[in-house]
């Protein structure tokens, strides 16, 4: 493979500058964040389309040897299992946070990997290299939704497993309140078995607070009772 290390640095620097500019603009103009979010998503889709076009010319991703699919699939699948297992074995991380850790470990920035593959190799080699992040991107889009559905049904998320699926997707179930209230206090090893209940206790406490707030608002609207 003809590899150019100088070209490897170029997309990384461009990504770093883009992240810095995005954070600065978001800080100065918070109301326009949704616009730049759409722009970023559109650019990501265009980059994937470019990668599909380049890799499908001479070395399409669907025409590889079985070992290619095995080598690219193993990191994606093992990362979910290992990350979730380590998070649960630590006995200090509740279910929802363990699921979030597993997703973050598995989900990779394939857009940056595609840019590096296209710019760091020559034309023929770039077509071969671009197939790796392209297939990984398709694989994680398939693996993560299945994993999240299983985690939801096993009651490892803030969304309850008896809720409708659309509520779990479109409605936020993150704990409300201060960071200290939502955080999990590390438990000693002697009471490690109780750590799995932390997320349920936090959610129950938040539900009670919401009920109290609603009752308080109702009393304020009624006003003082006249004798």
C-alpha atoms as a PDB file:
ATOM      1  CA  UNK A   1       0.000   0.000   0.000  1.00  0.00           C
ATOM      2  CA  UNK A   2       1.226   3.490  -0.870  1.00  0.00           C
ATOM      3  CA  UNK A   3       0.656   5.480   2.300  1.00  0.00           C
ATOM      4  CA  UNK A   4       1.351   9.174   2.857  1.00  0.00           C
ATOM      5  CA  UNK A   5       1.736  10.156   6.523  1.00  0.00           C
ATOM      6  CA  UNK A   6       1.549  13.878   5.741  1.00  0.00           C
ATOM      7  CA  UNK A   7      -1.867  13.422   4.169  1.00  0.00           C
ATOM      8  CA  UNK A   8      -2.923  11.504   7.275  1.00  0.00           C
ATOM      9  CA  UNK A   9      -2.482  14.616   9.426  1.00  0.00           C
ATOM     10  CA  UNK A  10      -4.464  16.881   7.087  1.00  0.00           C
ATOM     11  CA  UNK A  11      -8.008  15.520   7.721  1.00  0.00           C
ATOM     12  CA  UNK A  12      -7.292  15.271  11.460  1.00  0.00           C
ATOM     13  CA  UNK A  13      -6.303  18.951  11.582  1.00  0.00           C
ATOM     14  CA  UNK A  14      -9.344  19.922   9.496  1.00  0.00           C
ATOM     15  CA  UNK A  15     -11.596  18.007  11.891  1.00  0.00           C
ATOM     16  CA  UNK A  16      -9.953  19.657  14.911  1.00  0.00           C
ATOM     17  CA  UNK A  17     -10.414  23.127  13.412  1.00  0.00           C
ATOM     18  CA  UNK A  18     -14.027  22.330  12.516  1.00  0.00           C
ATOM     19  CA  UNK A  19     -14.752  21.164  16.070  1.00  0.00           C
ATOM     20  CA  UNK A  20     -13.160  24.302  17.498  1.00  0.00           C
ATOM     21  CA  UNK A  21     -15.147  26.550  15.166  1.00  0.00           C
ATOM     22  CA  UNK A  22     -18.343  24.673  15.950  1.00  0.00           C
ATOM     23  CA  UNK A  23     -17.871  25.035  19.710  1.00  0.00           C
ATOM     24  CA  UNK A  24     -17.082  28.742  19.329  1.00  0.00           C
ATOM     25  CA  UNK A  25     -20.116  29.473  17.147  1.00  0.00           C
ATOM     26  CA  UNK A  26     -22.326  27.402  19.450  1.00  0.00           C
ATOM     27  CA  UNK A  27     -21.078  29.383  22.417  1.00  0.00           C
ATOM     28  CA  UNK A  28     -21.614  32.764  20.767  1.00  0.00           C
ATOM     29  CA  UNK A  29     -24.905  31.966  19.018  1.00  0.00           C
ATOM     30  CA  UNK A  30     -26.709  29.256  21.037  1.00  0.00           C
ATOM     31  CA  UNK A  31     -30.028  29.790  19.217  1.00  0.00           C
ATOM     32  CA  UNK A  32     -28.498  28.770  15.886  1.00  0.00           C
ATOM     33  CA  UNK A  33     -27.138  25.422  17.067  1.00  0.00           C
ATOM     34  CA  UNK A  34     -29.886  23.462  15.325  1.00  0.00           C
ATOM     35  CA  UNK A  35     -28.901  24.987  11.979  1.00  0.00           C
ATOM     36  CA  UNK A  36     -25.278  23.896  12.280  1.00  0.00           C
ATOM     37  CA  UNK A  37     -26.400  20.510  13.500  1.00  0.00           C
ATOM     38  CA  UNK A  38     -28.321  20.043  10.257  1.00  0.00           C
ATOM     39  CA  UNK A  39     -25.335  21.279   8.224  1.00  0.00           C
ATOM     40  CA  UNK A  40     -23.050  18.800   9.976  1.00  0.00           C
ATOM     41  CA  UNK A  41     -25.426  15.900   9.372  1.00  0.00           C
ATOM     42  CA  UNK A  42     -25.782  16.803   5.693  1.00  0.00           C
ATOM     43  CA  UNK A  43     -22.000  16.961   5.295  1.00  0.00           C
ATOM     44  CA  UNK A  44     -21.677  13.573   6.983  1.00  0.00           C
ATOM     45  CA  UNK A  45     -24.197  12.009   4.624  1.00  0.00           C
ATOM     46  CA  UNK A  46     -22.418  13.540   1.607  1.00  0.00           C
ATOM     47  CA  UNK A  47     -19.095  12.142   2.844  1.00  0.00           C
ATOM     48  CA  UNK A  48     -20.603   8.676   3.149  1.00  0.00           C
ATOM     49  CA  UNK A  49     -22.058   8.988  -0.362  1.00  0.00           C
ATOM     50  CA  UNK A  50     -18.638   9.994  -1.697  1.00  0.00           C
ATOM     51  CA  UNK A  51     -17.059   7.029   0.057  1.00  0.00           C
ATOM     52  CA  UNK A  52     -19.619   4.661  -1.427  1.00  0.00           C
ATOM     53  CA  UNK A  53     -18.925   6.050  -4.895  1.00  0.00           C
ATOM     54  CA  UNK A  54     -15.138   5.761  -4.556  1.00  0.00           C
ATOM     55  CA  UNK A  55     -15.086   2.306  -2.963  1.00  0.00           C
ATOM     56  CA  UNK A  56     -17.618   0.833  -5.382  1.00  0.00           C
ATOM     57  CA  UNK A  57     -15.603   1.672  -8.493  1.00  0.00           C
ATOM     58  CA  UNK A  58     -12.958  -1.052  -8.332  1.00  0.00           C
ATOM     59  CA  UNK A  59     -13.342  -2.624  -4.881  1.00  0.00           C
ATOM     60  CA  UNK A  60     -17.020  -2.628  -3.824  1.00  0.00           C
ATOM     61  CA  UNK A  61     -17.688  -3.382  -0.174  1.00  0.00           C
ATOM     62  CA  UNK A  62     -20.123  -6.182  -1.068  1.00  0.00           C
ATOM     63  CA  UNK A  63     -17.490  -8.077  -3.058  1.00  0.00           C
ATOM     64  CA  UNK A  64     -14.950  -8.922  -0.340  1.00  0.00           C
ATOM     65  CA  UNK A  65     -13.556 -12.127   1.082  1.00  0.00           C
ATOM     66  CA  UNK A  66     -15.209 -13.566   4.224  1.00  0.00           C
ATOM     67  CA  UNK A  67     -12.186 -12.690   6.345  1.00  0.00           C
ATOM     68  CA  UNK A  68     -12.717  -9.002   5.558  1.00  0.00           C
ATOM     69  CA  UNK A  69     -16.225  -9.023   7.024  1.00  0.00           C
ATOM     70  CA  UNK A  70     -15.046 -11.059  10.018  1.00  0.00           C
ATOM     71  CA  UNK A  71     -12.132  -8.734  10.795  1.00  0.00           C
ATOM     72  CA  UNK A  72     -14.285  -5.600  10.603  1.00  0.00           C
ATOM     73  CA  UNK A  73     -17.235  -7.127  12.485  1.00  0.00           C
ATOM     74  CA  UNK A  74     -15.286  -8.501  15.466  1.00  0.00           C
ATOM     75  CA  UNK A  75     -14.273  -5.067  16.914  1.00  0.00           C
ATOM     76  CA  UNK A  76     -17.833  -3.755  16.557  1.00  0.00           C
ATOM     77  CA  UNK A  77     -19.456  -6.730  18.273  1.00  0.00           C
ATOM     78  CA  UNK A  78     -16.791  -7.310  20.929  1.00  0.00           C
ATOM     79  CA  UNK A  79     -16.678  -3.639  21.922  1.00  0.00           C
ATOM     80  CA  UNK A  80     -20.351  -3.722  22.945  1.00  0.00           C
ATOM     81  CA  UNK A  81     -19.992  -6.935  24.947  1.00  0.00           C
ATOM     82  CA  UNK A  82     -16.693  -6.032  26.629  1.00  0.00           C
ATOM     83  CA  UNK A  83     -17.661  -2.452  27.480  1.00  0.00           C
ATOM     84  CA  UNK A  84     -21.021  -3.504  28.920  1.00  0.00           C
ATOM     85  CA  UNK A  85     -19.429  -6.354  30.852  1.00  0.00           C
ATOM     86  CA  UNK A  86     -16.710  -4.176  32.387  1.00  0.00           C
ATOM     87  CA  UNK A  87     -19.248  -1.500  33.307  1.00  0.00           C
ATOM     88  CA  UNK A  88     -21.473  -4.036  35.060  1.00  0.00           C
ATOM     89  CA  UNK A  89     -18.609  -5.900  36.745  1.00  0.00           C
ATOM     90  CA  UNK A  90     -17.345  -2.656  38.269  1.00  0.00           C
ATOM     91  CA  UNK A  91     -20.526  -2.599  40.406  1.00  0.00           C
ATOM     92  CA  UNK A  92     -20.468   1.188  40.391  1.00  0.00           C
ATOM     93  CA  UNK A  93     -22.349   1.870  37.158  1.00  0.00           C
ATOM     94  CA  UNK A  94     -26.137   1.464  36.877  1.00  0.00           C
ATOM     95  CA  UNK A  95     -27.778  -0.073  33.849  1.00  0.00           C
ATOM     96  CA  UNK A  96     -28.527   3.075  31.805  1.00  0.00           C
ATOM     97  CA  UNK A  97     -24.996   4.402  32.201  1.00  0.00           C
ATOM     98  CA  UNK A  98     -23.514   0.994  31.337  1.00  0.00           C
ATOM     99  CA  UNK A  99     -25.585   0.968  28.140  1.00  0.00           C
ATOM    100  CA  UNK A 100     -24.380   4.484  27.290  1.00  0.00           C
ATOM    101  CA  UNK A 101     -20.749   3.418  27.810  1.00  0.00           C
ATOM    102  CA  UNK A 102     -21.205   0.409  25.514  1.00  0.00           C
ATOM    103  CA  UNK A 103     -22.727   2.577  22.788  1.00  0.00           C
ATOM    104  CA  UNK A 104     -19.940   5.169  23.020  1.00  0.00           C
ATOM    105  CA  UNK A 105     -17.250   2.476  22.810  1.00  0.00           C
ATOM    106  CA  UNK A 106     -18.844   0.798  19.795  1.00  0.00           C
ATOM    107  CA  UNK A 107     -19.897   3.910  17.875  1.00  0.00           C
ATOM    108  CA  UNK A 108     -16.903   5.313  16.029  1.00  0.00           C
ATOM    109  CA  UNK A 109     -16.376   8.408  13.906  1.00  0.00           C
ATOM    110  CA  UNK A 110     -16.428   6.628  10.578  1.00  0.00           C
ATOM    111  CA  UNK A 111     -16.683   9.962   8.760  1.00  0.00           C
ATOM    112  CA  UNK A 112     -13.201  10.920   9.905  1.00  0.00           C
ATOM    113  CA  UNK A 113     -11.934   7.434   9.074  1.00  0.00           C
ATOM    114  CA  UNK A 114     -13.369   7.756   5.574  1.00  0.00           C
ATOM    115  CA  UNK A 115     -11.690  11.130   5.076  1.00  0.00           C
ATOM    116  CA  UNK A 116      -8.354   9.700   6.223  1.00  0.00           C
ATOM    117  CA  UNK A 117      -8.693   6.672   3.949  1.00  0.00           C
ATOM    118  CA  UNK A 118      -9.506   8.788   0.904  1.00  0.00           C
ATOM    119  CA  UNK A 119      -6.711  11.299   1.457  1.00  0.00           C
ATOM    120  CA  UNK A 120      -3.884   9.109   2.808  1.00  0.00           C
ATOM    121  CA  UNK A 121      -3.757   6.475   0.064  1.00  0.00           C
ATOM    122  CA  UNK A 122      -3.355   6.528  -3.674  1.00  0.00           C
ATOM    123  CA  UNK A 123      -6.413   6.083  -5.872  1.00  0.00           C
ATOM    124  CA  UNK A 124      -6.490   2.277  -6.059  1.00  0.00           C
ATOM    125  CA  UNK A 125      -5.433   1.754  -2.451  1.00  0.00           C
ATOM    126  CA  UNK A 126      -7.879   4.423  -1.273  1.00  0.00           C
ATOM    127  CA  UNK A 127     -10.716   2.452  -2.829  1.00  0.00           C
ATOM    128  CA  UNK A 128      -9.659  -0.604  -0.829  1.00  0.00           C
ATOM    129  CA  UNK A 129      -9.154   1.264   2.429  1.00  0.00           C
ATOM    130  CA  UNK A 130     -12.446   3.139   2.181  1.00  0.00           C
ATOM    131  CA  UNK A 131     -14.338  -0.129   2.359  1.00  0.00           C
ATOM    132  CA  UNK A 132     -13.342  -0.658   6.004  1.00  0.00           C
ATOM    133  CA  UNK A 133     -15.025   2.406   7.559  1.00  0.00           C
ATOM    134  CA  UNK A 134     -17.918   2.079   5.105  1.00  0.00           C
ATOM    135  CA  UNK A 135     -18.727  -1.468   6.193  1.00  0.00           C
ATOM    136  CA  UNK A 136     -18.161  -0.603   9.866  1.00  0.00           C
ATOM    137  CA  UNK A 137     -20.588   2.311   9.559  1.00  0.00           C
ATOM    138  CA  UNK A 138     -23.251   0.033   8.080  1.00  0.00           C
ATOM    139  CA  UNK A 139     -22.576  -2.583  10.747  1.00  0.00           C
ATOM    140  CA  UNK A 140     -22.870  -0.246  13.721  1.00  0.00           C
ATOM    141  CA  UNK A 141     -26.131   1.147  12.334  1.00  0.00           C
ATOM    142  CA  UNK A 142     -27.434  -2.433  12.447  1.00  0.00           C
ATOM    143  CA  UNK A 143     -25.858  -3.614  15.728  1.00  0.00           C
ATOM    144  CA  UNK A 144     -26.559  -0.639  18.002  1.00  0.00           C
ATOM    145  CA  UNK A 145     -30.353  -0.441  17.467  1.00  0.00           C
ATOM    146  CA  UNK A 146     -30.639  -4.174  18.196  1.00  0.00           C
ATOM    147  CA  UNK A 147     -28.495  -3.763  21.312  1.00  0.00           C
ATOM    148  CA  UNK A 148     -30.556  -0.796  22.518  1.00  0.00           C
ATOM    149  CA  UNK A 149     -33.814  -2.673  21.975  1.00  0.00           C
ATOM    150  CA  UNK A 150     -32.502  -5.599  24.040  1.00  0.00           C
ATOM    151  CA  UNK A 151     -31.282  -3.247  26.774  1.00  0.00           C
ATOM    152  CA  UNK A 152     -34.686  -1.554  26.824  1.00  0.00           C
ATOM    153  CA  UNK A 153     -36.542  -4.860  27.140  1.00  0.00           C
ATOM    154  CA  UNK A 154     -34.144  -5.968  29.917  1.00  0.00           C
ATOM    155  CA  UNK A 155     -35.020  -2.756  31.811  1.00  0.00           C
ATOM    156  CA  UNK A 156     -31.475  -1.401  31.589  1.00  0.00           C
ATOM    157  CA  UNK A 157     -32.518   2.034  30.343  1.00  0.00           C
ATOM    158  CA  UNK A 158     -34.347   4.972  31.900  1.00  0.00           C
ATOM    159  CA  UNK A 159     -37.255   4.215  29.585  1.00  0.00           C
ATOM    160  CA  UNK A 160     -39.395   1.502  31.152  1.00  0.00           C
ATOM    161  CA  UNK A 161     -39.759  -1.688  29.147  1.00  0.00           C
ATOM    162  CA  UNK A 162     -43.567  -1.559  29.292  1.00  0.00           C
ATOM    163  CA  UNK A 163     -43.669   1.866  27.602  1.00  0.00           C
ATOM    164  CA  UNK A 164     -44.526   2.196  23.916  1.00  0.00           C
ATOM    165  CA  UNK A 165     -41.526   2.148  21.640  1.00  0.00           C
ATOM    166  CA  UNK A 166     -42.230   5.607  20.222  1.00  0.00           C
ATOM    167  CA  UNK A 167     -42.069   7.120  23.721  1.00  0.00           C
ATOM    168  CA  UNK A 168     -38.705   5.533  24.352  1.00  0.00           C
ATOM    169  CA  UNK A 169     -37.352   7.006  21.108  1.00  0.00           C
ATOM    170  CA  UNK A 170     -38.862  10.485  20.971  1.00  0.00           C
ATOM    171  CA  UNK A 171     -39.305  11.425  24.649  1.00  0.00           C
ATOM    172  CA  UNK A 172     -36.332  12.174  26.886  1.00  0.00           C
ATOM    173  CA  UNK A 173     -36.094  10.017  30.005  1.00  0.00           C
ATOM    174  CA  UNK A 174     -32.920  11.565  31.410  1.00  0.00           C
ATOM    175  CA  UNK A 175     -33.079  12.283  35.163  1.00  0.00           C
ATOM    176  CA  UNK A 176     -33.917  15.891  35.908  1.00  0.00           C
ATOM    177  CA  UNK A 177     -32.345  18.014  38.611  1.00  0.00           C
ATOM    178  CA  UNK A 178     -28.794  18.835  39.619  1.00  0.00           C
ATOM    179  CA  UNK A 179     -25.796  16.748  38.683  1.00  0.00           C
ATOM    180  CA  UNK A 180     -25.324  15.715  42.285  1.00  0.00           C
ATOM    181  CA  UNK A 181     -28.877  14.393  42.483  1.00  0.00           C
ATOM    182  CA  UNK A 182     -28.562  12.416  39.256  1.00  0.00           C
ATOM    183  CA  UNK A 183     -25.089  11.070  39.919  1.00  0.00           C
ATOM    184  CA  UNK A 184     -24.447   7.631  41.369  1.00  0.00           C
ATOM    185  CA  UNK A 185     -22.473   7.388  44.592  1.00  0.00           C
ATOM    186  CA  UNK A 186     -19.800   4.670  44.298  1.00  0.00           C
ATOM    187  CA  UNK A 187     -20.747   1.735  46.454  1.00  0.00           C
ATOM    188  CA  UNK A 188     -18.212  -0.351  48.392  1.00  0.00           C
ATOM    189  CA  UNK A 189     -17.677  -3.933  47.354  1.00  0.00           C
ATOM    190  CA  UNK A 190     -19.623  -5.239  50.361  1.00  0.00           C
ATOM    191  CA  UNK A 191     -22.827  -3.706  49.047  1.00  0.00           C
ATOM    192  CA  UNK A 192     -22.046  -4.036  45.378  1.00  0.00           C
ATOM    193  CA  UNK A 193     -25.237  -5.968  44.740  1.00  0.00           C
ATOM    194  CA  UNK A 194     -27.287  -2.866  45.564  1.00  0.00           C
ATOM    195  CA  UNK A 195     -25.725  -0.744  42.820  1.00  0.00           C
ATOM    196  CA  UNK A 196     -28.085  -2.099  40.186  1.00  0.00           C
ATOM    197  CA  UNK A 197     -30.988  -0.360  41.982  1.00  0.00           C
ATOM    198  CA  UNK A 198     -29.422   3.097  41.840  1.00  0.00           C
ATOM    199  CA  UNK A 199     -30.958   4.049  38.521  1.00  0.00           C
ATOM    200  CA  UNK A 200     -34.433   3.017  39.680  1.00  0.00           C
ATOM    201  CA  UNK A 201     -34.050   5.019  42.893  1.00  0.00           C
ATOM    202  CA  UNK A 202     -32.951   8.094  40.943  1.00  0.00           C
ATOM    203  CA  UNK A 203     -35.885   7.785  38.561  1.00  0.00           C
ATOM    204  CA  UNK A 204     -38.335   7.294  41.446  1.00  0.00           C
ATOM    205  CA  UNK A 205     -36.959  10.349  43.248  1.00  0.00           C
ATOM    206  CA  UNK A 206     -37.354  12.439  40.090  1.00  0.00           C
ATOM    207  CA  UNK A 207     -40.934  11.249  39.645  1.00  0.00           C
ATOM    208  CA  UNK A 208     -41.780  12.247  43.232  1.00  0.00           C
ATOM    209  CA  UNK A 209     -40.226  15.699  42.675  1.00  0.00           C
ATOM    210  CA  UNK A 210     -42.256  16.224  39.512  1.00  0.00           C
ATOM    211  CA  UNK A 211     -45.477  15.303  41.355  1.00  0.00           C
ATOM    212  CA  UNK A 212     -44.607  17.692  44.186  1.00  0.00           C
ATOM    213  CA  UNK A 213     -43.915  20.492  41.737  1.00  0.00           C
ATOM    214  CA  UNK A 214     -47.213  19.921  39.939  1.00  0.00           C
ATOM    215  CA  UNK A 215     -49.110  19.933  43.243  1.00  0.00           C
ATOM    216  CA  UNK A 216     -47.328  23.125  44.303  1.00  0.00           C
ATOM    217  CA  UNK A 217     -48.246  24.838  41.046  1.00  0.00           C
ATOM    218  CA  UNK A 218     -51.856  23.748  41.485  1.00  0.00           C
ATOM    219  CA  UNK A 219     -52.051  25.275  44.942  1.00  0.00           C
ATOM    220  CA  UNK A 220     -50.548  28.521  43.681  1.00  0.00           C
ATOM    221  CA  UNK A 221     -53.128  28.744  40.904  1.00  0.00           C
ATOM    222  CA  UNK A 222     -55.991  28.197  43.360  1.00  0.00           C
ATOM    223  CA  UNK A 223     -54.770  31.093  45.528  1.00  0.00           C
ATOM    224  CA  UNK A 224     -55.443  31.665  49.229  1.00  0.00           C
ATOM    225  CA  UNK A 225     -58.677  30.342  50.627  1.00  0.00           C
ATOM    226  CA  UNK A 226     -60.947  33.115  51.953  1.00  0.00           C
ATOM    227  CA  UNK A 227     -62.880  32.543  55.138  1.00  0.00           C
END
